[in-house]
Amino acid sequence: MEERDLLLLESAVTAIDEASAAVASEVERDRLGESQLARLSVVEAELKRSRLSLEKIIQENR
């Protein structure tokens, strides 16, 4: 894998971190209903899985 590809993956990890922070901020505001919180929990879990997958790919290709 080329260095450019690794930089793109690292950039994606950063974007995931930012999205996770946005989800956490919405949850902390405590203005959402139960169903919305449940959906955000699913989104947060998917973001975490995606981040772990990307980190694994980055580590394998360094």
C-alpha atoms as a PDB file:
ATOM      1  CA  MET A   1       0.000   0.000   0.000  1.00  0.00           C
ATOM      2  CA  GLU A   2       1.299   3.433  -0.926  1.00  0.00           C
ATOM      3  CA  GLU A   3       1.984   6.183   1.591  1.00  0.00           C
ATOM      4  CA  ARG A   4      -0.808   8.249   0.012  1.00  0.00           C
ATOM      5  CA  ASP A   5      -3.288   5.460   0.724  1.00  0.00           C
ATOM      6  CA  LEU A   6      -2.181   5.266   4.347  1.00  0.00           C
ATOM      7  CA  LEU A   7      -2.602   9.029   4.715  1.00  0.00           C
ATOM      8  CA  LEU A   8      -6.138   8.744   3.364  1.00  0.00           C
ATOM      9  CA  LEU A   9      -6.917   5.993   5.864  1.00  0.00           C
ATOM     10  CA  GLU A  10      -5.492   8.065   8.712  1.00  0.00           C
ATOM     11  CA  SER A  11      -7.616  10.970   7.543  1.00  0.00           C
ATOM     12  CA  ALA A  12     -10.673   8.721   7.650  1.00  0.00           C
ATOM     13  CA  VAL A  13      -9.819   7.742  11.229  1.00  0.00           C
ATOM     14  CA  THR A  14      -9.677  11.424  12.151  1.00  0.00           C
ATOM     15  CA  ALA A  15     -13.076  12.000  10.535  1.00  0.00           C
ATOM     16  CA  ILE A  16     -14.508   9.079  12.490  1.00  0.00           C
ATOM     17  CA  ASP A  17     -13.113  10.542  15.712  1.00  0.00           C
ATOM     18  CA  GLU A  18     -14.789  13.860  14.927  1.00  0.00           C
ATOM     19  CA  ALA A  19     -18.097  12.152  14.161  1.00  0.00           C
ATOM     20  CA  SER A  20     -17.888  10.179  17.404  1.00  0.00           C
ATOM     21  CA  ALA A  21     -17.292  13.390  19.323  1.00  0.00           C
ATOM     22  CA  ALA A  22     -20.336  14.961  17.666  1.00  0.00           C
ATOM     23  CA  VAL A  23     -22.462  11.966  18.657  1.00  0.00           C
ATOM     24  CA  ALA A  24     -21.214  12.185  22.242  1.00  0.00           C
ATOM     25  CA  SER A  25     -22.038  15.910  22.330  1.00  0.00           C
ATOM     26  CA  GLU A  26     -25.592  15.268  21.210  1.00  0.00           C
ATOM     27  CA  VAL A  27     -26.051  12.611  23.861  1.00  0.00           C
ATOM     28  CA  GLU A  28     -24.661  14.926  26.557  1.00  0.00           C
ATOM     29  CA  ARG A  29     -27.112  17.684  25.637  1.00  0.00           C
ATOM     30  CA  ASP A  30     -29.872  15.381  26.863  1.00  0.00           C
ATOM     31  CA  ARG A  31     -32.470  16.808  24.488  1.00  0.00           C
ATOM     32  CA  LEU A  32     -33.142  13.645  22.506  1.00  0.00           C
ATOM     33  CA  GLY A  33     -35.862  11.096  22.887  1.00  0.00           C
ATOM     34  CA  GLU A  34     -35.253   7.469  23.709  1.00  0.00           C
ATOM     35  CA  SER A  35     -35.517   6.256  20.111  1.00  0.00           C
ATOM     36  CA  GLN A  36     -33.103   8.939  18.907  1.00  0.00           C
ATOM     37  CA  LEU A  37     -30.625   7.994  21.613  1.00  0.00           C
ATOM     38  CA  ALA A  38     -30.908   4.357  20.598  1.00  0.00           C
ATOM     39  CA  ARG A  39     -30.153   5.256  16.970  1.00  0.00           C
ATOM     40  CA  LEU A  40     -27.180   7.355  18.025  1.00  0.00           C
ATOM     41  CA  SER A  41     -25.885   4.443  20.074  1.00  0.00           C
ATOM     42  CA  VAL A  42     -25.998   2.278  16.957  1.00  0.00           C
ATOM     43  CA  VAL A  43     -24.188   4.965  14.966  1.00  0.00           C
ATOM     44  CA  GLU A  44     -21.552   5.286  17.668  1.00  0.00           C
ATOM     45  CA  ALA A  45     -20.980   1.521  17.718  1.00  0.00           C
ATOM     46  CA  GLU A  46     -20.636   1.447  13.925  1.00  0.00           C
ATOM     47  CA  LEU A  47     -18.154   4.317  14.026  1.00  0.00           C
ATOM     48  CA  LYS A  48     -16.068   2.475  16.627  1.00  0.00           C
ATOM     49  CA  ARG A  49     -16.067  -0.717  14.522  1.00  0.00           C
ATOM     50  CA  SER A  50     -15.051   1.244  11.440  1.00  0.00           C
ATOM     51  CA  ARG A  51     -12.243   2.960  13.335  1.00  0.00           C
ATOM     52  CA  LEU A  52     -10.905  -0.356  14.610  1.00  0.00           C
ATOM     53  CA  SER A  53     -11.007  -1.836  11.113  1.00  0.00           C
ATOM     54  CA  LEU A  54      -9.140   1.110   9.642  1.00  0.00           C
ATOM     55  CA  GLU A  55      -6.537   1.042  12.394  1.00  0.00           C
ATOM     56  CA  LYS A  56      -5.962  -2.656  11.749  1.00  0.00           C
ATOM     57  CA  ILE A  57      -5.451  -2.031   8.035  1.00  0.00           C
ATOM     58  CA  ILE A  58      -3.035   0.822   8.781  1.00  0.00           C
ATOM     59  CA  GLN A  59      -1.007  -1.309  11.208  1.00  0.00           C
ATOM     60  CA  GLU A  60      -0.829  -4.231   8.782  1.00  0.00           C
ATOM     61  CA  ASN A  61       0.505  -1.999   6.025  1.00  0.00           C
ATOM     62  CA  ARG A  62       3.187  -0.097   7.905  1.00  0.00           C
END
